[in-house]
PDB file of N, CA and C in Angstrom:
ATOM      1  N   UNK A   1      14.831  37.874  58.574  1.00  0.00           N
ATOM      2  CA  UNK A   1      13.728  38.385  57.777  1.00  0.00           C
ATOM      3  C   UNK A   1      14.297  39.099  56.549  1.00  0.00           C
ATOM      4  N   UNK A   2      13.689  38.850  55.437  1.00  0.00           N
ATOM      5  CA  UNK A   2      14.084  39.516  54.196  1.00  0.00           C
ATOM      6  C   UNK A   2      13.012  40.530  53.817  1.00  0.00           C
ATOM      7  N   UNK A   3      13.416  41.590  53.163  1.00  0.00           N
ATOM      8  CA  UNK A   3      12.481  42.597  52.666  1.00  0.00           C
ATOM      9  C   UNK A   3      12.305  42.389  51.169  1.00  0.00           C
ATOM     10  N   UNK A   4      11.041  42.249  50.729  1.00  0.00           N
ATOM     11  CA  UNK A   4      10.727  42.043  49.320  1.00  0.00           C
ATOM     12  C   UNK A   4       9.616  42.985  48.893  1.00  0.00           C
ATOM     13  N   UNK A   5       9.646  43.431  47.640  1.00  0.00           N
ATOM     14  CA  UNK A   5       8.448  44.077  47.108  1.00  0.00           C
ATOM     15  C   UNK A   5       7.339  43.029  47.040  1.00  0.00           C
ATOM     16  N   UNK A   6       6.121  43.411  47.328  1.00  0.00           N
ATOM     17  CA  UNK A   6       5.019  42.463  47.344  1.00  0.00           C
ATOM     18  C   UNK A   6       4.915  41.677  46.039  1.00  0.00           C
ATOM     19  N   UNK A   7       5.255  42.301  44.941  1.00  0.00           N
ATOM     20  CA  UNK A   7       5.173  41.655  43.626  1.00  0.00           C
ATOM     21  C   UNK A   7       6.016  40.383  43.557  1.00  0.00           C
ATOM     22  N   UNK A   8       7.121  40.315  44.312  1.00  0.00           N
ATOM     23  CA  UNK A   8       8.034  39.178  44.245  1.00  0.00           C
ATOM     24  C   UNK A   8       7.680  38.041  45.200  1.00  0.00           C
ATOM     25  N   UNK A   9       6.660  38.218  46.011  1.00  0.00           N
ATOM     26  CA  UNK A   9       6.259  37.161  46.930  1.00  0.00           C
ATOM     27  C   UNK A   9       5.607  36.010  46.160  1.00  0.00           C
ATOM     28  N   UNK A  10       5.755  34.816  46.696  1.00  0.00           N
ATOM     29  CA  UNK A  10       5.212  33.622  46.058  1.00  0.00           C
ATOM     30  C   UNK A  10       3.858  33.250  46.672  1.00  0.00           C
ATOM     31  N   UNK A  11       3.139  32.387  45.987  1.00  0.00           N
ATOM     32  CA  UNK A  11       1.840  31.931  46.465  1.00  0.00           C
ATOM     33  C   UNK A  11       1.985  31.306  47.853  1.00  0.00           C
ATOM     34  N   UNK A  12       1.045  31.627  48.734  1.00  0.00           N
ATOM     35  CA  UNK A  12       0.985  31.158  50.124  1.00  0.00           C
ATOM     36  C   UNK A  12       2.093  31.714  51.012  1.00  0.00           C
ATOM     37  N   UNK A  13       2.861  32.680  50.541  1.00  0.00           N
ATOM     38  CA  UNK A  13       3.891  33.305  51.356  1.00  0.00           C
ATOM     39  C   UNK A  13       3.251  34.426  52.180  1.00  0.00           C
ATOM     40  N   UNK A  14       3.630  34.515  53.445  1.00  0.00           N
ATOM     41  CA  UNK A  14       3.086  35.529  54.344  1.00  0.00           C
ATOM     42  C   UNK A  14       4.176  36.495  54.767  1.00  0.00           C
ATOM     43  N   UNK A  15       3.747  37.649  55.223  1.00  0.00           N
ATOM     44  CA  UNK A  15       4.690  38.628  55.723  1.00  0.00           C
ATOM     45  C   UNK A  15       3.975  39.796  56.362  1.00  0.00           C
ATOM     46  N   UNK A  16       4.766  40.755  56.816  1.00  0.00           N
ATOM     47  CA  UNK A  16       4.251  41.958  57.454  1.00  0.00           C
ATOM     48  C   UNK A  16       4.735  43.154  56.646  1.00  0.00           C
ATOM     49  N   UNK A  17       3.817  44.030  56.295  1.00  0.00           N
ATOM     50  CA  UNK A  17       4.180  45.223  55.514  1.00  0.00           C
ATOM     51  C   UNK A  17       5.110  46.091  56.350  1.00  0.00           C
ATOM     52  N   UNK A  18       6.255  46.446  55.775  1.00  0.00           N
ATOM     53  CA  UNK A  18       7.198  47.311  56.486  1.00  0.00           C
ATOM     54  C   UNK A  18       7.172  48.739  55.964  1.00  0.00           C
ATOM     55  N   UNK A  19       6.781  48.931  54.702  1.00  0.00           N
ATOM     56  CA  UNK A  19       6.740  50.294  54.149  1.00  0.00           C
ATOM     57  C   UNK A  19       5.844  50.341  52.920  1.00  0.00           C
ATOM     58  N   UNK A  20       5.223  51.498  52.738  1.00  0.00           N
ATOM     59  CA  UNK A  20       4.482  51.803  51.513  1.00  0.00           C
ATOM     60  C   UNK A  20       5.184  53.020  50.911  1.00  0.00           C
ATOM     61  N   UNK A  21       5.843  52.821  49.773  1.00  0.00           N
ATOM     62  CA  UNK A  21       6.682  53.861  49.192  1.00  0.00           C
ATOM     63  C   UNK A  21       5.947  54.775  48.217  1.00  0.00           C
ATOM     64  N   UNK A  22       4.681  54.506  47.960  1.00  0.00           N
ATOM     65  CA  UNK A  22       3.901  55.342  47.045  1.00  0.00           C
ATOM     66  C   UNK A  22       3.530  56.652  47.745  1.00  0.00           C
ATOM     67  N   UNK A  23       3.465  57.710  46.964  1.00  0.00           N
ATOM     68  CA  UNK A  23       3.058  59.004  47.501  1.00  0.00           C
ATOM     69  C   UNK A  23       1.833  59.496  46.740  1.00  0.00           C
ATOM     70  N   UNK A  24       1.307  60.580  47.178  1.00  0.00           N
ATOM     71  CA  UNK A  24       0.185  61.204  46.474  1.00  0.00           C
ATOM     72  C   UNK A  24      -1.069  60.353  46.502  1.00  0.00           C
ATOM     73  N   UNK A  25      -1.851  60.448  45.437  1.00  0.00           N
ATOM     74  CA  UNK A  25      -3.129  59.758  45.340  1.00  0.00           C
ATOM     75  C   UNK A  25      -2.976  58.240  45.425  1.00  0.00           C
ATOM     76  N   UNK A  26      -1.972  57.673  44.758  1.00  0.00           N
ATOM     77  CA  UNK A  26      -1.770  56.226  44.809  1.00  0.00           C
ATOM     78  C   UNK A  26      -1.434  55.781  46.226  1.00  0.00           C
ATOM     79  N   UNK A  27      -0.573  56.487  46.905  1.00  0.00           N
ATOM     80  CA  UNK A  27      -0.224  56.141  48.280  1.00  0.00           C
ATOM     81  C   UNK A  27      -1.429  56.192  49.199  1.00  0.00           C
ATOM     82  N   UNK A  28      -2.267  57.202  49.036  1.00  0.00           N
ATOM     83  CA  UNK A  28      -3.472  57.324  49.852  1.00  0.00           C
ATOM     84  C   UNK A  28      -4.419  56.167  49.578  1.00  0.00           C
ATOM     85  N   UNK A  29      -4.580  55.823  48.310  1.00  0.00           N
ATOM     86  CA  UNK A  29      -5.489  54.739  47.942  1.00  0.00           C
ATOM     87  C   UNK A  29      -5.011  53.395  48.493  1.00  0.00           C
ATOM     88  N   UNK A  30      -3.709  53.136  48.414  1.00  0.00           N
ATOM     89  CA  UNK A  30      -3.149  51.895  48.961  1.00  0.00           C
ATOM     90  C   UNK A  30      -3.389  51.831  50.462  1.00  0.00           C
ATOM     91  N   UNK A  31      -3.142  52.916  51.165  1.00  0.00           N
ATOM     92  CA  UNK A  31      -3.337  52.937  52.618  1.00  0.00           C
ATOM     93  C   UNK A  31      -4.813  52.817  52.988  1.00  0.00           C
ATOM     94  N   UNK A  32      -5.691  53.411  52.188  1.00  0.00           N
ATOM     95  CA  UNK A  32      -7.129  53.306  52.447  1.00  0.00           C
ATOM     96  C   UNK A  32      -7.626  51.868  52.339  1.00  0.00           C
ATOM     97  N   UNK A  33      -6.948  51.039  51.577  1.00  0.00           N
ATOM     98  CA  UNK A  33      -7.329  49.631  51.443  1.00  0.00           C
ATOM     99  C   UNK A  33      -6.844  48.796  52.622  1.00  0.00           C
ATOM    100  N   UNK A  34      -6.154  49.416  53.588  1.00  0.00           N
ATOM    101  CA  UNK A  34      -5.670  48.699  54.761  1.00  0.00           C
ATOM    102  C   UNK A  34      -4.249  48.212  54.633  1.00  0.00           C
ATOM    103  N   UNK A  35      -3.585  48.581  53.565  1.00  0.00           N
ATOM    104  CA  UNK A  35      -2.197  48.165  53.352  1.00  0.00           C
ATOM    105  C   UNK A  35      -1.265  49.202  53.972  1.00  0.00           C
ATOM    106  N   UNK A  36      -1.104  49.087  55.280  1.00  0.00           N
ATOM    107  CA  UNK A  36      -0.281  50.024  56.041  1.00  0.00           C
ATOM    108  C   UNK A  36       0.811  49.240  56.766  1.00  0.00           C
ATOM    109  N   UNK A  37       1.920  49.890  57.110  1.00  0.00           N
ATOM    110  CA  UNK A  37       2.975  49.193  57.842  1.00  0.00           C
ATOM    111  C   UNK A  37       2.423  48.518  59.101  1.00  0.00           C
ATOM    112  N   UNK A  38       2.840  47.275  59.303  1.00  0.00           N
ATOM    113  CA  UNK A  38       2.379  46.492  60.444  1.00  0.00           C
ATOM    114  C   UNK A  38       1.271  45.512  60.100  1.00  0.00           C
ATOM    115  N   UNK A  39       0.641  45.665  58.946  1.00  0.00           N
ATOM    116  CA  UNK A  39      -0.431  44.754  58.535  1.00  0.00           C
ATOM    117  C   UNK A  39       0.153  43.439  58.038  1.00  0.00           C
ATOM    118  N   UNK A  40      -0.467  42.332  58.447  1.00  0.00           N
ATOM    119  CA  UNK A  40      -0.050  41.020  57.969  1.00  0.00           C
ATOM    120  C   UNK A  40      -0.754  40.724  56.652  1.00  0.00           C
ATOM    121  N   UNK A  41      -0.004  40.194  55.690  1.00  0.00           N
ATOM    122  CA  UNK A  41      -0.562  39.844  54.381  1.00  0.00           C
ATOM    123  C   UNK A  41      -0.139  38.434  54.009  1.00  0.00           C
ATOM    124  N   UNK A  42      -0.972  37.781  53.195  1.00  0.00           N
ATOM    125  CA  UNK A  42      -0.652  36.463  52.658  1.00  0.00           C
ATOM    126  C   UNK A  42      -1.036  36.453  51.189  1.00  0.00           C
ATOM    127  N   UNK A  43      -0.120  36.050  50.344  1.00  0.00           N
ATOM    128  CA  UNK A  43      -0.381  35.990  48.909  1.00  0.00           C
ATOM    129  C   UNK A  43      -1.224  34.754  48.625  1.00  0.00           C
ATOM    130  N   UNK A  44      -2.371  34.953  47.978  1.00  0.00           N
ATOM    131  CA  UNK A  44      -3.241  33.829  47.636  1.00  0.00           C
ATOM    132  C   UNK A  44      -2.932  33.297  46.249  1.00  0.00           C
ATOM    133  N   UNK A  45      -2.394  34.117  45.390  1.00  0.00           N
ATOM    134  CA  UNK A  45      -2.037  33.648  44.064  1.00  0.00           C
ATOM    135  C   UNK A  45      -1.834  34.780  43.089  1.00  0.00           C
ATOM    136  N   UNK A  46      -1.424  34.405  41.884  1.00  0.00           N
ATOM    137  CA  UNK A  46      -1.209  35.349  40.796  1.00  0.00           C
ATOM    138  C   UNK A  46      -2.099  34.938  39.632  1.00  0.00           C
ATOM    139  N   UNK A  47      -2.508  35.893  38.843  1.00  0.00           N
ATOM    140  CA  UNK A  47      -3.257  35.586  37.630  1.00  0.00           C
ATOM    141  C   UNK A  47      -2.335  34.833  36.666  1.00  0.00           C
ATOM    142  N   UNK A  48      -2.892  34.193  35.635  1.00  0.00           N
ATOM    143  CA  UNK A  48      -2.064  33.409  34.704  1.00  0.00           C
ATOM    144  C   UNK A  48      -0.878  34.172  34.109  1.00  0.00           C
ATOM    145  N   UNK A  49      -1.019  35.444  33.865  1.00  0.00           N
ATOM    146  CA  UNK A  49       0.102  36.230  33.332  1.00  0.00           C
ATOM    147  C   UNK A  49       0.799  37.025  34.434  1.00  0.00           C
ATOM    148  N   UNK A  50       0.578  36.614  35.695  1.00  0.00           N
ATOM    149  CA  UNK A  50       1.193  37.194  36.887  1.00  0.00           C
ATOM    150  C   UNK A  50       0.763  38.618  37.201  1.00  0.00           C
ATOM    151  N   UNK A  51      -0.299  39.094  36.617  1.00  0.00           N
ATOM    152  CA  UNK A  51      -0.818  40.414  36.949  1.00  0.00           C
ATOM    153  C   UNK A  51      -2.331  40.351  36.832  1.00  0.00           C
ATOM    154  N   UNK A  52      -3.080  40.559  37.866  1.00  0.00           N
ATOM    155  CA  UNK A  52      -2.740  41.073  39.191  1.00  0.00           C
ATOM    156  C   UNK A  52      -2.360  39.971  40.179  1.00  0.00           C
ATOM    157  N   UNK A  53      -2.035  40.407  41.396  1.00  0.00           N
ATOM    158  CA  UNK A  53      -1.730  39.520  42.504  1.00  0.00           C
ATOM    159  C   UNK A  53      -2.902  39.572  43.485  1.00  0.00           C
ATOM    160  N   UNK A  54      -3.278  38.412  44.005  1.00  0.00           N
ATOM    161  CA  UNK A  54      -4.379  38.315  44.968  1.00  0.00           C
ATOM    162  C   UNK A  54      -3.786  38.093  46.354  1.00  0.00           C
ATOM    163  N   UNK A  55      -4.248  38.851  47.336  1.00  0.00           N
ATOM    164  CA  UNK A  55      -3.716  38.727  48.679  1.00  0.00           C
ATOM    165  C   UNK A  55      -4.814  38.786  49.715  1.00  0.00           C
ATOM    166  N   UNK A  56      -4.488  38.308  50.895  1.00  0.00           N
ATOM    167  CA  UNK A  56      -5.414  38.317  52.023  1.00  0.00           C
ATOM    168  C   UNK A  56      -4.856  39.286  53.050  1.00  0.00           C
ATOM    169  N   UNK A  57      -5.676  40.264  53.449  1.00  0.00           N
ATOM    170  CA  UNK A  57      -5.265  41.251  54.438  1.00  0.00           C
ATOM    171  C   UNK A  57      -6.491  41.665  55.247  1.00  0.00           C
ATOM    172  N   UNK A  58      -6.339  41.767  56.552  1.00  0.00           N
ATOM    173  CA  UNK A  58      -7.421  42.213  57.444  1.00  0.00           C
ATOM    174  C   UNK A  58      -8.716  41.434  57.254  1.00  0.00           C
ATOM    175  N   UNK A  59      -8.602  40.142  56.930  1.00  0.00           N
ATOM    176  CA  UNK A  59      -9.773  39.299  56.815  1.00  0.00           C
ATOM    177  C   UNK A  59     -10.521  39.374  55.494  1.00  0.00           C
ATOM    178  N   UNK A  60      -9.980  40.047  54.496  1.00  0.00           N
ATOM    179  CA  UNK A  60     -10.628  40.077  53.184  1.00  0.00           C
ATOM    180  C   UNK A  60      -9.606  39.867  52.082  1.00  0.00           C
ATOM    181  N   UNK A  61     -10.113  39.500  50.908  1.00  0.00           N
ATOM    182  CA  UNK A  61      -9.257  39.265  49.748  1.00  0.00           C
ATOM    183  C   UNK A  61      -9.205  40.528  48.906  1.00  0.00           C
ATOM    184  N   UNK A  62      -8.020  40.851  48.435  1.00  0.00           N
ATOM    185  CA  UNK A  62      -7.773  42.067  47.677  1.00  0.00           C
ATOM    186  C   UNK A  62      -6.888  41.714  46.491  1.00  0.00           C
ATOM    187  N   UNK A  63      -7.104  42.368  45.355  1.00  0.00           N
ATOM    188  CA  UNK A  63      -6.203  42.190  44.218  1.00  0.00           C
ATOM    189  C   UNK A  63      -5.546  43.524  43.900  1.00  0.00           C
ATOM    190  N   UNK A  64      -4.279  43.455  43.552  1.00  0.00           N
ATOM    191  CA  UNK A  64      -3.500  44.641  43.199  1.00  0.00           C
ATOM    192  C   UNK A  64      -2.783  44.403  41.883  1.00  0.00           C
ATOM    193  N   UNK A  65      -2.672  45.441  41.094  1.00  0.00           N
ATOM    194  CA  UNK A  65      -1.822  45.375  39.906  1.00  0.00           C
ATOM    195  C   UNK A  65      -0.376  45.294  40.367  1.00  0.00           C
ATOM    196  N   UNK A  66       0.469  44.683  39.552  1.00  0.00           N
ATOM    197  CA  UNK A  66       1.890  44.606  39.898  1.00  0.00           C
ATOM    198  C   UNK A  66       2.507  45.998  40.030  1.00  0.00           C
ATOM    199  N   UNK A  67       2.041  46.943  39.232  1.00  0.00           N
ATOM    200  CA  UNK A  67       2.576  48.304  39.317  1.00  0.00           C
ATOM    201  C   UNK A  67       2.266  48.935  40.674  1.00  0.00           C
ATOM    202  N   UNK A  68       1.189  48.513  41.327  1.00  0.00           N
ATOM    203  CA  UNK A  68       0.862  48.997  42.674  1.00  0.00           C
ATOM    204  C   UNK A  68       1.627  48.200  43.729  1.00  0.00           C
ATOM    205  N   UNK A  69       1.729  46.886  43.526  1.00  0.00           N
ATOM    206  CA  UNK A  69       2.412  46.023  44.491  1.00  0.00           C
ATOM    207  C   UNK A  69       3.906  46.343  44.590  1.00  0.00           C
ATOM    208  N   UNK A  70       4.484  46.921  43.553  1.00  0.00           N
ATOM    209  CA  UNK A  70       5.902  47.302  43.588  1.00  0.00           C
ATOM    210  C   UNK A  70       6.200  48.344  44.658  1.00  0.00           C
ATOM    211  N   UNK A  71       5.219  49.132  45.059  1.00  0.00           N
ATOM    212  CA  UNK A  71       5.417  50.192  46.047  1.00  0.00           C
ATOM    213  C   UNK A  71       5.318  49.691  47.486  1.00  0.00           C
ATOM    214  N   UNK A  72       4.958  48.418  47.690  1.00  0.00           N
ATOM    215  CA  UNK A  72       4.746  47.880  49.028  1.00  0.00           C
ATOM    216  C   UNK A  72       5.887  46.930  49.374  1.00  0.00           C
ATOM    217  N   UNK A  73       6.600  47.232  50.452  1.00  0.00           N
ATOM    218  CA  UNK A  73       7.720  46.415  50.901  1.00  0.00           C
ATOM    219  C   UNK A  73       7.250  45.572  52.069  1.00  0.00           C
ATOM    220  N   UNK A  74       7.545  44.259  52.008  1.00  0.00           N
ATOM    221  CA  UNK A  74       7.059  43.304  53.005  1.00  0.00           C
ATOM    222  C   UNK A  74       8.237  42.570  53.638  1.00  0.00           C
ATOM    223  N   UNK A  75       8.197  42.416  54.969  1.00  0.00           N
ATOM    224  CA  UNK A  75       9.161  41.570  55.672  1.00  0.00           C
ATOM    225  C   UNK A  75       8.651  40.148  55.624  1.00  0.00           C
ATOM    226  N   UNK A  76       9.433  39.246  55.044  1.00  0.00           N
ATOM    227  CA  UNK A  76       9.056  37.830  54.962  1.00  0.00           C
ATOM    228  C   UNK A  76      10.133  36.984  55.627  1.00  0.00           C
ATOM    229  N   UNK A  77       9.726  35.812  56.120  1.00  0.00           N
ATOM    230  CA  UNK A  77      10.701  34.890  56.711  1.00  0.00           C
ATOM    231  C   UNK A  77      11.601  34.338  55.614  1.00  0.00           C
ATOM    232  N   UNK A  78      12.879  34.216  55.914  1.00  0.00           N
ATOM    233  CA  UNK A  78      13.813  33.606  54.960  1.00  0.00           C
ATOM    234  C   UNK A  78      13.461  32.143  54.790  1.00  0.00           C
ATOM    235  N   UNK A  79      13.479  31.677  53.570  1.00  0.00           N
ATOM    236  CA  UNK A  79      13.144  30.272  53.312  1.00  0.00           C
ATOM    237  C   UNK A  79      14.309  29.558  52.698  1.00  0.00           C
TER     238      UNK A  79
END
């Protein structure tokens, strides 16, 4: 398993969140959206200029700015 910032994941790549490195208000907001360690995520795609990123988590679709996705570390299978 490799650890990647969520921003570097490719379309249709899945993984499990291993850490959320944001603190304060941003960290709370990320966790409130269900992005907590142990959650499974799948990247659905990137916008044309690669910001934001669209992902599937806990049965719903969510979009994050790349500046937010940089704080989320995901364990992904080596390809």
